[in-house]
N, C-alpha and C. Protein backbone atom coordinates (compact mmCIF):
# COMPACT_ATOMS: atom_id res chain seq x y z
N MET A 1 -3.65 12.81 23.07
CA MET A 1 -5.54 12.25 23.82
C MET A 1 -6.16 11.82 22.70
N LYS A 2 -6.44 12.81 21.37
CA LYS A 2 -7.24 12.35 20.44
C LYS A 2 -6.66 11.30 20.10
N THR A 3 -5.46 11.39 19.37
CA THR A 3 -4.89 10.21 18.77
C THR A 3 -4.79 8.71 19.52
N LEU A 4 -4.76 8.97 20.88
CA LEU A 4 -4.71 7.32 21.49
C LEU A 4 -5.95 7.29 21.39
N LEU A 5 -7.05 7.91 21.67
CA LEU A 5 -8.58 7.45 21.58
C LEU A 5 -8.92 7.04 20.10
N VAL A 6 -8.40 7.64 19.38
CA VAL A 6 -8.24 6.89 17.99
C VAL A 6 -7.68 5.72 17.85
N LEU A 7 -6.73 5.63 18.35
CA LEU A 7 -6.01 4.23 18.16
C LEU A 7 -6.85 2.99 18.70
N ILE A 8 -6.68 3.64 19.99
CA ILE A 8 -7.61 2.67 21.13
C ILE A 8 -9.03 2.22 20.18
N VAL A 9 -10.26 2.94 19.61
CA VAL A 9 -11.18 2.57 19.24
C VAL A 9 -10.97 1.94 17.63
N SER A 10 -10.20 2.28 17.23
CA SER A 10 -9.16 1.68 15.94
C SER A 10 -9.01 -0.06 16.37
N TYR A 11 -8.62 -0.19 17.21
CA TYR A 11 -8.14 -1.54 17.91
C TYR A 11 -9.18 -2.46 18.28
N LEU A 12 -10.32 -1.50 18.81
CA LEU A 12 -11.94 -2.17 19.17
C LEU A 12 -12.34 -2.53 17.85
N PHE A 13 -12.45 -1.38 16.75
CA PHE A 13 -13.07 -1.80 15.71
C PHE A 13 -12.24 -3.12 14.60
N GLY A 14 -11.05 -3.26 14.91
CA GLY A 14 -10.61 -4.37 14.18
C GLY A 14 -10.70 -5.42 15.13
N SER A 15 -11.11 -5.43 16.23
CA SER A 15 -11.40 -6.63 17.11
C SER A 15 -12.95 -7.21 16.96
N VAL A 16 -13.78 -6.92 16.31
CA VAL A 16 -14.99 -7.22 15.95
C VAL A 16 -14.78 -8.73 15.00
N PRO A 17 -15.20 -9.64 15.66
CA PRO A 17 -14.70 -10.95 14.85
C PRO A 17 -15.85 -11.23 13.72
N TRP A 18 -15.81 -10.68 12.50
CA TRP A 18 -17.06 -10.98 11.69
C TRP A 18 -17.08 -12.52 11.23
N GLY A 19 -16.19 -12.82 11.10
CA GLY A 19 -16.16 -14.30 10.58
C GLY A 19 -16.87 -15.35 11.84
N LEU A 20 -16.73 -14.75 13.19
CA LEU A 20 -17.09 -15.66 14.17
C LEU A 20 -18.86 -15.20 14.56
N VAL A 21 -18.83 -13.79 14.23
CA VAL A 21 -20.17 -13.62 14.29
C VAL A 21 -21.45 -14.19 13.27
N ILE A 22 -20.52 -14.07 11.85
CA ILE A 22 -21.37 -14.53 10.71
C ILE A 22 -21.44 -16.29 11.18
N GLY A 23 -20.99 -16.64 11.52
CA GLY A 23 -20.55 -18.10 11.63
C GLY A 23 -21.65 -18.42 12.55
N LYS A 24 -21.49 -17.88 13.70
CA LYS A 24 -22.50 -18.09 15.12
C LYS A 24 -23.66 -17.95 14.43
N VAL A 25 -24.30 -16.69 14.20
CA VAL A 25 -25.62 -15.83 14.00
C VAL A 25 -26.37 -16.82 12.73
N PHE A 26 -25.43 -16.98 11.92
CA PHE A 26 -26.33 -17.53 10.53
C PHE A 26 -26.11 -19.14 10.19
N TYR A 27 -25.21 -19.48 10.82
CA TYR A 27 -24.57 -21.06 10.43
C TYR A 27 -24.83 -21.95 11.62
N HIS A 28 -24.83 -20.95 12.74
CA HIS A 28 -24.64 -21.90 14.17
C HIS A 28 -23.44 -22.71 13.99
N LYS A 29 -22.67 -22.12 13.62
CA LYS A 29 -21.10 -22.74 14.03
C LYS A 29 -19.78 -21.67 14.21
N ASP A 30 -18.89 -22.16 15.19
CA ASP A 30 -17.87 -21.50 15.46
C ASP A 30 -16.84 -21.86 14.49
N ILE A 31 -16.54 -21.10 13.49
CA ILE A 31 -15.51 -21.65 12.72
C ILE A 31 -13.95 -21.75 13.30
N ARG A 32 -13.95 -21.08 14.18
CA ARG A 32 -12.26 -21.27 15.10
C ARG A 32 -12.00 -22.89 15.05
N ASN A 33 -13.32 -23.79 15.32
CA ASN A 33 -13.57 -25.66 15.64
C ASN A 33 -13.29 -26.23 14.03
N TYR A 34 -13.12 -25.59 12.93
CA TYR A 34 -13.00 -26.19 12.35
C TYR A 34 -11.80 -25.54 11.02
N GLY A 35 -11.42 -26.10 10.31
CA GLY A 35 -10.56 -25.91 9.13
C GLY A 35 -9.05 -25.44 9.89
N SER A 36 -9.11 -24.30 9.58
CA SER A 36 -7.23 -23.60 10.09
C SER A 36 -7.81 -23.06 11.44
N GLY A 37 -8.76 -22.99 11.58
CA GLY A 37 -9.22 -22.24 12.78
C GLY A 37 -9.26 -20.92 12.89
N ASN A 38 -8.89 -20.33 11.42
CA ASN A 38 -8.79 -18.74 11.87
C ASN A 38 -9.98 -18.24 11.18
N LEU A 39 -10.03 -16.60 11.64
CA LEU A 39 -11.55 -15.98 11.94
C LEU A 39 -11.66 -15.16 10.77
N GLY A 40 -10.69 -15.38 9.61
CA GLY A 40 -10.48 -14.63 8.40
C GLY A 40 -11.45 -14.91 7.14
N ALA A 41 -11.32 -14.51 5.85
CA ALA A 41 -12.31 -14.87 5.04
C ALA A 41 -12.14 -16.38 4.44
N THR A 42 -11.21 -16.19 4.06
CA THR A 42 -10.56 -17.93 3.84
C THR A 42 -11.23 -18.90 4.59
N ASN A 43 -11.33 -18.74 6.06
CA ASN A 43 -11.69 -20.23 6.67
C ASN A 43 -13.09 -19.95 6.48
N ALA A 44 -13.68 -18.87 6.63
CA ALA A 44 -15.10 -18.62 6.68
C ALA A 44 -15.43 -19.19 5.51
N GLY A 45 -14.69 -18.82 4.10
CA GLY A 45 -15.38 -19.31 2.93
C GLY A 45 -15.25 -21.13 2.74
N ARG A 46 -14.07 -21.58 3.33
CA ARG A 46 -13.89 -23.11 3.52
C ARG A 46 -15.16 -23.77 4.33
N ILE A 47 -15.60 -23.22 5.47
CA ILE A 47 -16.58 -23.72 6.43
C ILE A 47 -18.03 -23.46 6.17
N LEU A 48 -18.36 -22.42 5.53
CA LEU A 48 -19.40 -21.73 5.41
C LEU A 48 -19.93 -21.48 4.13
N GLY A 49 -18.98 -21.07 3.26
CA GLY A 49 -19.53 -21.19 1.64
C GLY A 49 -19.00 -19.84 1.44
N LYS A 50 -19.32 -19.30 -0.11
CA LYS A 50 -18.86 -18.33 -0.47
C LYS A 50 -19.52 -16.89 -0.26
N PRO A 51 -20.77 -17.40 0.15
CA PRO A 51 -21.64 -15.74 0.67
C PRO A 51 -20.93 -15.28 1.67
N ALA A 52 -20.56 -16.36 2.91
CA ALA A 52 -19.75 -15.63 3.88
C ALA A 52 -18.63 -15.65 3.88
N ALA A 53 -17.95 -15.90 3.09
CA ALA A 53 -16.51 -15.27 2.50
C ALA A 53 -16.62 -14.26 2.08
N ILE A 54 -17.69 -13.70 1.15
CA ILE A 54 -17.21 -12.44 0.54
C ILE A 54 -17.82 -11.75 1.74
N SER A 55 -19.04 -11.78 2.33
CA SER A 55 -19.41 -11.13 3.05
C SER A 55 -18.55 -10.95 4.44
N VAL A 56 -17.46 -11.46 4.98
CA VAL A 56 -16.38 -11.44 6.00
C VAL A 56 -15.62 -10.40 5.62
N THR A 57 -14.76 -10.85 4.03
CA THR A 57 -14.44 -10.21 3.41
C THR A 57 -14.42 -8.49 3.78
N LEU A 58 -15.39 -8.38 3.04
CA LEU A 58 -16.36 -6.88 2.82
C LEU A 58 -16.27 -6.30 4.40
N LEU A 59 -16.98 -6.94 5.20
CA LEU A 59 -16.89 -6.45 6.49
C LEU A 59 -15.45 -5.93 7.70
N ASP A 60 -14.57 -7.07 7.25
CA ASP A 60 -13.03 -6.95 7.46
C ASP A 60 -12.44 -5.80 6.84
N ALA A 61 -12.63 -5.56 5.83
CA ALA A 61 -12.03 -4.40 4.85
C ALA A 61 -12.25 -3.08 5.33
N PHE A 62 -13.86 -2.85 5.57
CA PHE A 62 -14.29 -1.65 6.21
C PHE A 62 -14.07 -1.50 7.43
N LYS A 63 -13.64 -2.58 8.08
CA LYS A 63 -13.35 -2.08 9.66
C LYS A 63 -12.08 -1.05 9.73
N ALA A 64 -11.10 -1.37 8.57
CA ALA A 64 -9.82 -0.23 8.29
C ALA A 64 -10.04 0.76 8.36
N PHE A 65 -11.00 0.32 6.95
CA PHE A 65 -11.58 2.10 6.37
C PHE A 65 -12.07 2.94 7.44
N PHE A 66 -13.29 2.53 8.05
CA PHE A 66 -13.83 3.46 8.93
C PHE A 66 -13.14 3.77 10.38
N SER A 67 -12.13 2.79 10.68
CA SER A 67 -11.16 3.52 11.64
C SER A 67 -10.31 4.48 11.13
N MET A 68 -9.63 4.68 9.92
CA MET A 68 -9.08 6.00 9.24
C MET A 68 -9.97 6.79 9.19
N MET A 69 -11.33 6.79 8.72
CA MET A 69 -12.29 8.15 8.55
C MET A 69 -12.66 8.48 10.01
N LEU A 70 -12.35 7.91 10.87
CA LEU A 70 -12.52 8.39 12.33
C LEU A 70 -11.37 9.17 12.29
N ALA A 71 -10.45 8.83 11.97
CA ALA A 71 -9.08 9.31 12.16
C ALA A 71 -8.85 10.60 11.21
N TYR A 72 -9.28 10.26 10.43
CA TYR A 72 -9.55 11.64 8.96
C TYR A 72 -10.20 12.85 9.88
N TYR A 73 -11.28 12.33 10.60
CA TYR A 73 -12.20 13.55 11.18
C TYR A 73 -11.78 13.94 13.02
N VAL A 74 -11.17 13.28 13.60
CA VAL A 74 -10.82 13.54 14.74
C VAL A 74 -9.10 13.96 14.92
N ALA A 75 -8.53 13.01 14.46
CA ALA A 75 -6.93 13.29 14.49
C ALA A 75 -6.51 12.81 13.24
N PRO A 76 -6.34 13.88 12.16
CA PRO A 76 -5.61 13.52 10.82
C PRO A 76 -4.41 12.78 10.80
N GLU A 77 -3.57 13.25 11.84
CA GLU A 77 -1.96 12.86 11.73
C GLU A 77 -2.23 11.52 11.67
N ALA A 78 -3.20 10.94 12.76
CA ALA A 78 -3.12 9.28 13.22
C ALA A 78 -3.94 8.52 11.94
N ILE A 79 -4.15 9.20 11.01
CA ILE A 79 -4.52 8.22 9.62
C ILE A 79 -3.87 6.90 9.65
N PRO A 80 -2.68 6.93 9.41
CA PRO A 80 -1.99 5.62 9.11
C PRO A 80 -1.75 4.68 10.28
N TYR A 81 -1.84 5.31 11.38
CA TYR A 81 -1.47 4.37 12.63
C TYR A 81 -3.05 3.49 12.92
N ALA A 82 -3.91 4.25 12.65
CA ALA A 82 -5.70 3.86 12.79
C ALA A 82 -5.66 2.48 12.13
N GLY A 83 -5.35 2.63 11.16
CA GLY A 83 -5.40 1.55 10.20
C GLY A 83 -4.56 0.33 10.55
N LEU A 84 -3.39 0.79 11.18
CA LEU A 84 -2.50 -0.10 11.78
C LEU A 84 -3.01 -0.95 13.02
N ALA A 85 -3.83 -0.09 13.57
CA ALA A 85 -4.08 -0.52 15.35
C ALA A 85 -5.18 -1.31 14.44
N CYS A 86 -6.05 -1.04 13.92
CA CYS A 86 -7.32 -1.78 13.50
C CYS A 86 -7.03 -3.28 13.03
N CYS A 87 -5.91 -3.65 12.01
CA CYS A 87 -5.07 -4.34 11.90
C CYS A 87 -4.65 -5.55 13.10
N VAL A 88 -4.02 -5.03 14.15
CA VAL A 88 -3.81 -5.72 15.38
C VAL A 88 -4.84 -6.25 15.58
N GLY A 89 -6.12 -5.43 16.03
CA GLY A 89 -7.52 -5.69 16.65
C GLY A 89 -7.74 -6.97 15.73
N HIS A 90 -7.45 -6.71 14.68
CA HIS A 90 -8.31 -7.99 13.84
C HIS A 90 -7.49 -9.41 13.85
N CYS A 91 -6.17 -9.13 14.00
CA CYS A 91 -5.18 -10.36 14.71
C CYS A 91 -5.36 -11.06 16.16
N PHE A 92 -5.79 -9.85 16.75
CA PHE A 92 -5.45 -10.39 18.13
C PHE A 92 -6.89 -9.58 18.91
N PRO A 93 -7.98 -9.94 18.26
CA PRO A 93 -9.11 -9.47 19.19
C PRO A 93 -9.72 -9.92 20.36
N ILE A 94 -10.12 -8.43 21.20
CA ILE A 94 -10.26 -8.90 22.74
C ILE A 94 -11.78 -9.16 22.84
N PHE A 95 -12.37 -9.07 21.46
CA PHE A 95 -13.67 -9.76 22.03
C PHE A 95 -13.64 -11.40 21.58
N ALA A 96 -12.55 -11.86 21.39
CA ALA A 96 -12.47 -13.45 20.91
C ALA A 96 -11.36 -14.09 21.14
N GLN A 97 -11.33 -13.61 22.71
CA GLN A 97 -9.88 -14.55 23.45
C GLN A 97 -8.75 -14.06 22.35
N PHE A 98 -8.43 -13.23 21.87
CA PHE A 98 -7.33 -12.53 20.96
C PHE A 98 -7.03 -13.73 19.93
N ARG A 99 -8.05 -14.56 19.56
CA ARG A 99 -7.65 -15.37 18.13
C ARG A 99 -8.34 -14.82 16.93
N GLY A 100 -7.59 -14.23 16.34
CA GLY A 100 -8.48 -13.59 15.07
C GLY A 100 -7.63 -14.01 13.92
N GLY A 101 -7.62 -13.07 12.63
CA GLY A 101 -7.32 -13.64 11.61
C GLY A 101 -6.14 -13.43 10.94
N LYS A 102 -5.54 -13.33 9.81
CA LYS A 102 -4.27 -12.53 8.89
C LYS A 102 -4.39 -11.59 8.89
N ALA A 103 -5.38 -10.76 9.18
CA ALA A 103 -5.44 -9.33 8.57
C ALA A 103 -5.35 -9.05 6.90
N VAL A 104 -5.62 -10.27 6.24
CA VAL A 104 -5.35 -9.57 4.57
C VAL A 104 -6.38 -8.76 4.28
N ALA A 105 -7.69 -9.08 4.37
CA ALA A 105 -8.84 -8.07 3.96
C ALA A 105 -9.07 -6.72 4.67
N THR A 106 -8.50 -6.95 5.81
CA THR A 106 -8.21 -5.66 6.61
C THR A 106 -6.91 -4.69 6.61
N SER A 107 -6.05 -5.38 5.29
CA SER A 107 -4.93 -4.43 4.52
C SER A 107 -5.53 -3.97 3.43
N TYR A 108 -6.41 -4.88 2.82
CA TYR A 108 -7.18 -4.25 1.68
C TYR A 108 -8.13 -2.79 2.13
N GLY A 109 -8.51 -2.66 3.02
CA GLY A 109 -9.71 -1.69 3.64
C GLY A 109 -8.30 -0.48 3.91
N TYR A 110 -7.30 -0.73 4.42
CA TYR A 110 -6.45 -0.22 4.79
C TYR A 110 -6.01 0.68 3.51
N LEU A 111 -5.75 0.03 2.55
CA LEU A 111 -5.31 0.34 1.36
C LEU A 111 -6.01 1.55 0.65
N LEU A 112 -7.04 0.97 0.70
CA LEU A 112 -8.00 1.98 0.36
C LEU A 112 -8.46 3.16 0.72
N GLY A 113 -8.31 3.18 2.37
CA GLY A 113 -8.30 4.31 3.18
C GLY A 113 -7.33 5.06 2.95
N ILE A 114 -5.67 4.84 2.76
CA ILE A 114 -4.76 5.50 2.16
C ILE A 114 -5.24 6.35 0.83
N CYS A 115 -6.04 5.37 0.09
CA CYS A 115 -6.18 6.21 -1.43
C CYS A 115 -7.27 7.38 -1.34
N VAL A 116 -8.33 7.25 -0.02
CA VAL A 116 -9.21 8.06 0.07
C VAL A 116 -8.82 8.83 0.95
N PHE A 117 -7.98 9.25 1.78
CA PHE A 117 -8.02 10.15 2.84
C PHE A 117 -6.77 10.50 2.98
N LEU A 118 -5.46 10.22 2.12
CA LEU A 118 -4.24 10.64 1.67
C LEU A 118 -3.92 10.94 0.76
N THR A 119 -3.62 9.46 -0.29
CA THR A 119 -3.03 9.83 -1.80
C THR A 119 -3.75 10.32 -3.00
N HIS A 120 -4.75 9.91 -2.68
CA HIS A 120 -6.09 9.58 -4.10
C HIS A 120 -5.38 8.85 -5.35
N GLN A 121 -4.53 8.12 -5.28
CA GLN A 121 -3.81 7.31 -6.09
C GLN A 121 -4.71 6.08 -6.12
N TYR A 122 -5.75 6.20 -6.58
CA TYR A 122 -6.75 4.92 -6.36
C TYR A 122 -6.44 3.80 -7.31
N PHE A 123 -5.92 3.76 -8.76
CA PHE A 123 -5.28 2.67 -9.13
C PHE A 123 -4.03 1.73 -8.72
N TRP A 124 -3.10 2.92 -8.75
CA TRP A 124 -1.66 2.37 -8.25
C TRP A 124 -1.58 1.76 -6.71
N GLN A 125 -2.30 2.20 -6.01
CA GLN A 125 -2.42 2.11 -4.69
C GLN A 125 -3.34 0.92 -4.16
N PHE A 126 -4.64 0.79 -4.79
CA PHE A 126 -5.52 -0.21 -4.32
C PHE A 126 -5.94 -1.26 -5.34
N PHE A 127 -6.21 -0.66 -6.63
CA PHE A 127 -6.68 -1.40 -7.68
C PHE A 127 -5.61 -2.30 -8.31
N PHE A 128 -4.21 -1.98 -8.36
CA PHE A 128 -3.39 -2.83 -9.08
C PHE A 128 -2.95 -4.10 -8.04
N PRO A 129 -2.94 -3.47 -6.73
CA PRO A 129 -2.46 -4.46 -5.98
C PRO A 129 -3.59 -5.79 -6.07
N ILE A 130 -4.63 -4.94 -6.01
CA ILE A 130 -5.88 -6.35 -6.24
C ILE A 130 -5.72 -7.29 -7.63
N ILE A 131 -5.31 -6.22 -8.54
CA ILE A 131 -5.21 -6.97 -9.84
C ILE A 131 -4.22 -8.10 -9.73
N CYS A 132 -2.54 -7.65 -9.33
CA CYS A 132 -1.97 -8.72 -8.88
C CYS A 132 -2.10 -9.68 -7.77
N PHE A 133 -3.30 -9.59 -6.97
CA PHE A 133 -3.55 -10.52 -6.31
C PHE A 133 -3.98 -11.54 -6.99
N PHE A 134 -5.12 -11.33 -7.40
CA PHE A 134 -5.98 -12.05 -8.53
C PHE A 134 -5.42 -12.87 -9.46
N ALA A 135 -3.67 -11.84 -10.30
CA ALA A 135 -3.30 -12.48 -11.03
C ALA A 135 -2.10 -13.77 -10.52
N ILE A 136 -1.99 -13.30 -9.42
CA ILE A 136 -1.15 -14.41 -8.61
C ILE A 136 -1.52 -15.64 -8.11
N LEU A 137 -2.76 -15.17 -7.76
CA LEU A 137 -3.96 -16.52 -7.47
C LEU A 137 -4.05 -17.44 -8.38
N TRP A 138 -4.41 -16.79 -9.59
CA TRP A 138 -4.74 -17.82 -10.91
C TRP A 138 -3.70 -18.61 -11.15
N ILE A 139 -2.22 -18.12 -10.96
CA ILE A 139 -1.18 -19.00 -11.17
C ILE A 139 -0.87 -20.09 -10.61
N CYS A 140 -0.88 -19.46 -9.02
CA CYS A 140 -0.32 -20.31 -8.03
C CYS A 140 -1.18 -21.19 -7.14
N ARG A 141 -2.67 -20.75 -7.15
CA ARG A 141 -3.83 -21.04 -6.50
C ARG A 141 -3.77 -21.16 -5.06
N MET A 142 -2.60 -20.15 -4.40
CA MET A 142 -2.53 -20.05 -3.11
C MET A 142 -3.10 -18.82 -2.59
N VAL A 143 -4.08 -18.68 -1.59
CA VAL A 143 -4.67 -17.47 -0.98
C VAL A 143 -3.41 -16.70 -0.53
N SER A 144 -2.59 -17.44 0.71
CA SER A 144 -1.52 -17.20 1.16
C SER A 144 -0.78 -16.34 0.61
N LEU A 145 0.04 -17.41 -0.63
CA LEU A 145 1.26 -16.67 -1.46
C LEU A 145 0.64 -14.93 -2.15
N SER A 146 -0.35 -15.04 -2.45
CA SER A 146 -1.17 -13.97 -3.37
C SER A 146 -1.32 -12.94 -2.15
N SER A 147 -1.77 -12.86 -1.32
CA SER A 147 -2.13 -11.85 -0.56
C SER A 147 -0.76 -11.28 0.13
N ILE A 148 0.65 -12.26 0.36
CA ILE A 148 1.96 -11.90 0.95
C ILE A 148 2.34 -11.11 -0.38
N LEU A 149 2.44 -11.55 -1.40
CA LEU A 149 3.32 -10.57 -2.82
C LEU A 149 2.39 -9.48 -3.22
N SER A 150 1.00 -9.69 -2.97
CA SER A 150 0.22 -8.60 -3.46
C SER A 150 0.50 -7.25 -2.72
N LEU A 151 0.45 -7.57 -1.16
CA LEU A 151 0.62 -6.46 -0.38
C LEU A 151 2.19 -6.11 -0.41
N LEU A 152 3.27 -6.83 -0.53
CA LEU A 152 4.56 -6.53 -0.75
C LEU A 152 4.70 -5.77 -2.35
N ILE A 153 3.96 -5.83 -3.05
CA ILE A 153 3.27 -5.01 -4.18
C ILE A 153 3.10 -3.43 -3.98
N ALA A 154 1.98 -3.43 -2.87
CA ALA A 154 1.60 -1.88 -2.51
C ALA A 154 2.50 -1.42 -1.82
N VAL A 155 3.59 -1.97 -0.77
CA VAL A 155 4.44 -1.44 -0.32
C VAL A 155 5.60 -1.22 -1.16
N ILE A 156 5.87 -1.69 -2.35
CA ILE A 156 7.09 -1.03 -3.05
C ILE A 156 6.35 -0.01 -3.99
N ILE A 157 4.88 0.38 -4.03
CA ILE A 157 4.45 1.21 -4.96
C ILE A 157 4.40 2.43 -4.45
N SER A 158 4.37 2.22 -3.03
CA SER A 158 4.13 3.56 -1.85
C SER A 158 5.25 3.64 -1.94
N PHE A 159 6.35 3.31 -1.78
CA PHE A 159 7.88 4.19 -2.11
C PHE A 159 8.19 4.62 -3.46
N ILE A 160 7.65 3.64 -4.67
CA ILE A 160 7.96 4.65 -5.93
C ILE A 160 7.02 5.72 -6.01
N LEU A 161 6.08 5.87 -5.49
CA LEU A 161 5.12 6.89 -5.55
C LEU A 161 5.72 8.16 -4.87
N LYS A 162 6.87 7.96 -3.80
CA LYS A 162 7.19 8.74 -2.62
C LYS A 162 5.96 9.50 -2.10
N ASN A 163 5.10 8.09 -1.76
CA ASN A 163 4.17 8.83 -0.39
C ASN A 163 5.21 9.06 0.70
N PRO A 164 4.37 10.23 1.91
CA PRO A 164 4.93 10.31 2.70
C PRO A 164 5.86 9.31 3.73
N VAL A 165 6.71 9.59 4.37
CA VAL A 165 7.59 8.35 4.62
C VAL A 165 7.02 7.62 5.54
N ASN A 166 6.52 8.28 6.82
CA ASN A 166 5.73 7.75 7.69
C ASN A 166 4.88 6.64 6.87
N LEU A 167 3.85 6.91 6.21
CA LEU A 167 3.09 6.00 5.32
C LEU A 167 3.55 4.78 4.71
N SER A 168 4.77 4.97 3.90
CA SER A 168 5.58 3.74 3.28
C SER A 168 5.88 2.92 4.63
N ILE A 169 6.41 3.37 5.61
CA ILE A 169 6.97 2.50 6.81
C ILE A 169 5.98 1.77 7.42
N CYS A 170 4.59 2.19 7.40
CA CYS A 170 3.51 1.53 7.96
C CYS A 170 2.66 0.42 7.05
N LEU A 171 3.35 0.80 5.89
CA LEU A 171 2.57 -0.42 4.91
C LEU A 171 3.69 -1.42 5.31
N LEU A 172 4.78 -0.70 4.77
CA LEU A 172 6.12 -2.22 5.26
C LEU A 172 5.89 -3.00 6.64
N ALA A 173 5.42 -2.27 7.58
CA ALA A 173 4.98 -2.75 8.75
C ALA A 173 3.88 -3.55 8.77
N LEU A 174 2.95 -3.34 7.99
CA LEU A 174 1.87 -4.08 8.06
C LEU A 174 2.09 -5.22 7.14
N TRP A 175 3.09 -5.02 6.32
CA TRP A 175 3.09 -6.41 5.17
C TRP A 175 4.19 -7.30 6.19
N CYS A 176 5.17 -6.78 7.02
CA CYS A 176 5.85 -7.56 7.61
C CYS A 176 4.85 -8.58 8.55
N PHE A 177 4.09 -7.80 9.22
CA PHE A 177 2.99 -8.08 10.09
C PHE A 177 2.03 -9.52 9.42
N VAL A 178 1.53 -9.00 8.39
CA VAL A 178 0.67 -10.35 7.45
C VAL A 178 1.83 -11.34 7.47
N THR A 179 2.77 -11.13 6.93
CA THR A 179 3.80 -12.19 6.21
C THR A 179 4.03 -13.08 7.52
N TYR A 180 4.20 -12.30 8.62
CA TYR A 180 4.56 -13.32 10.29
C TYR A 180 3.51 -14.03 10.41
N ARG A 181 2.32 -13.62 10.54
CA ARG A 181 0.66 -14.01 10.60
C ARG A 181 0.88 -15.38 9.58
N HIS A 182 1.48 -15.48 8.73
CA HIS A 182 1.50 -16.61 7.70
C HIS A 182 2.83 -17.13 7.52
N LYS A 183 3.09 -17.19 8.73
CA LYS A 183 4.84 -18.30 8.96
C LYS A 183 4.04 -19.78 8.53
N ALA A 184 3.04 -20.27 9.29
CA ALA A 184 2.54 -21.69 9.09
C ALA A 184 2.60 -22.11 7.51
N ASN A 185 1.52 -20.91 6.65
CA ASN A 185 1.55 -20.99 5.33
C ASN A 185 2.42 -21.08 4.42
N ILE A 186 3.48 -20.58 5.01
CA ILE A 186 5.12 -20.28 4.42
C ILE A 186 5.46 -21.73 4.46
N GLN A 187 5.58 -22.08 5.62
CA GLN A 187 6.49 -23.32 5.86
C GLN A 187 5.65 -24.72 5.09
N ARG A 188 4.54 -24.62 4.77
CA ARG A 188 3.55 -25.44 3.95
C ARG A 188 3.92 -25.26 2.79
N ILE A 189 4.07 -24.08 2.18
CA ILE A 189 4.60 -23.75 0.87
C ILE A 189 6.02 -24.59 0.39
N ARG A 190 6.69 -24.67 1.72
CA ARG A 190 7.94 -24.87 1.08
C ARG A 190 7.76 -26.32 1.42
N ASP A 191 7.13 -26.91 2.03
CA ASP A 191 6.48 -28.52 2.14
C ASP A 191 5.92 -28.94 1.00
N GLY A 192 5.29 -27.96 0.49
CA GLY A 192 4.22 -28.53 -1.01
C GLY A 192 3.13 -28.51 -0.42
N SER A 193 2.74 -28.45 0.90
CA SER A 193 1.40 -29.05 1.44
C SER A 193 0.38 -27.87 1.81
N GLU A 194 0.33 -26.55 0.71
CA GLU A 194 -0.24 -25.72 1.24
C GLU A 194 -1.90 -26.10 0.57
N SER A 195 -2.45 -25.69 0.81
CA SER A 195 -3.61 -25.62 0.30
C SER A 195 -4.25 -24.88 -1.01
N HIS A 196 -4.70 -25.50 -1.65
CA HIS A 196 -4.98 -24.68 -3.09
C HIS A 196 -6.43 -24.39 -3.63
N ILE A 197 -7.12 -23.25 -3.95
CA ILE A 197 -8.27 -23.00 -3.95
C ILE A 197 -8.89 -23.73 -5.21
N LYS A 198 -10.10 -24.01 -4.82
CA LYS A 198 -11.01 -24.97 -6.01
C LYS A 198 -11.74 -24.07 -6.96
N TRP A 199 -12.18 -22.74 -6.49
CA TRP A 199 -13.05 -22.14 -6.90
C TRP A 199 -12.45 -21.28 -8.66
N MET A 200 -11.25 -21.45 -8.76
CA MET A 200 -11.04 -20.92 -9.98
C MET A 200 -11.38 -21.90 -11.08
N GLY A 201 -11.53 -22.90 -11.07
CA GLY A 201 -11.34 -23.87 -12.34
C GLY A 201 -9.99 -24.52 -11.76
N GLU A 202 -9.73 -26.16 -12.45
CA GLU A 202 -8.38 -26.57 -12.56
C GLU A 202 -7.40 -25.91 -13.68
N ARG A 203 -6.17 -26.32 -13.49
CA ARG A 203 -5.24 -25.69 -14.38
C ARG A 203 -4.10 -26.90 -14.31
N HIS A 204 -3.52 -27.33 -15.49
CA HIS A 204 -2.75 -28.45 -15.43
C HIS A 204 -2.99 -29.60 -14.65
N GLY A 205 -4.45 -29.96 -15.07
CA GLY A 205 -5.07 -31.26 -14.54
C GLY A 205 -5.18 -31.10 -13.16
N LYS A 206 -4.94 -30.26 -12.23
CA LYS A 206 -4.93 -30.41 -10.67
C LYS A 206 -5.64 -29.05 -10.39
N ASN A 207 -5.84 -28.89 -8.71
CA ASN A 207 -6.26 -27.81 -8.29
C ASN A 207 -5.19 -27.50 -7.33
């Protein structure tokens, strides 16, 4: 019963649409009506600017972390699953007509929760995937591809570190879920029409 309660609360945590809240409260905009229509940090940054993107990123990440912290104190066996439930809530939020984000920032909150509450492998499990994210982003200038590949690296690291099997499987499931949520981006990458970021400057004469 405690595990079920933690999963439900974690889903509700994940369902808090910070991109929508910040957009409406501080900018009087519903970001679902602009850009990609996504509630994640990338679209928030595109529509509302860098401060909003940073705020949404941090708040979305801490949703997963706090879900796992709740599990740590209430039902420790549910820690990996609480983070997953939060990510599902972020993508399909009950408070925003089930139109959410792609769970990238929330996934990094999940990695932080793994380090704090389970493995204590802070560098390899959390910081190294982030370093890889920005390295890949500098090369390709695509947030979508950087997110998919850096999370895949986190999965591979989990298996290399011989984390508990259920944890590594949860990470693999999360990566599959996040990759699926990026299916439209993957198609645009194949077509050569995926958006490139502009805030890291120019390389080879173009963004």
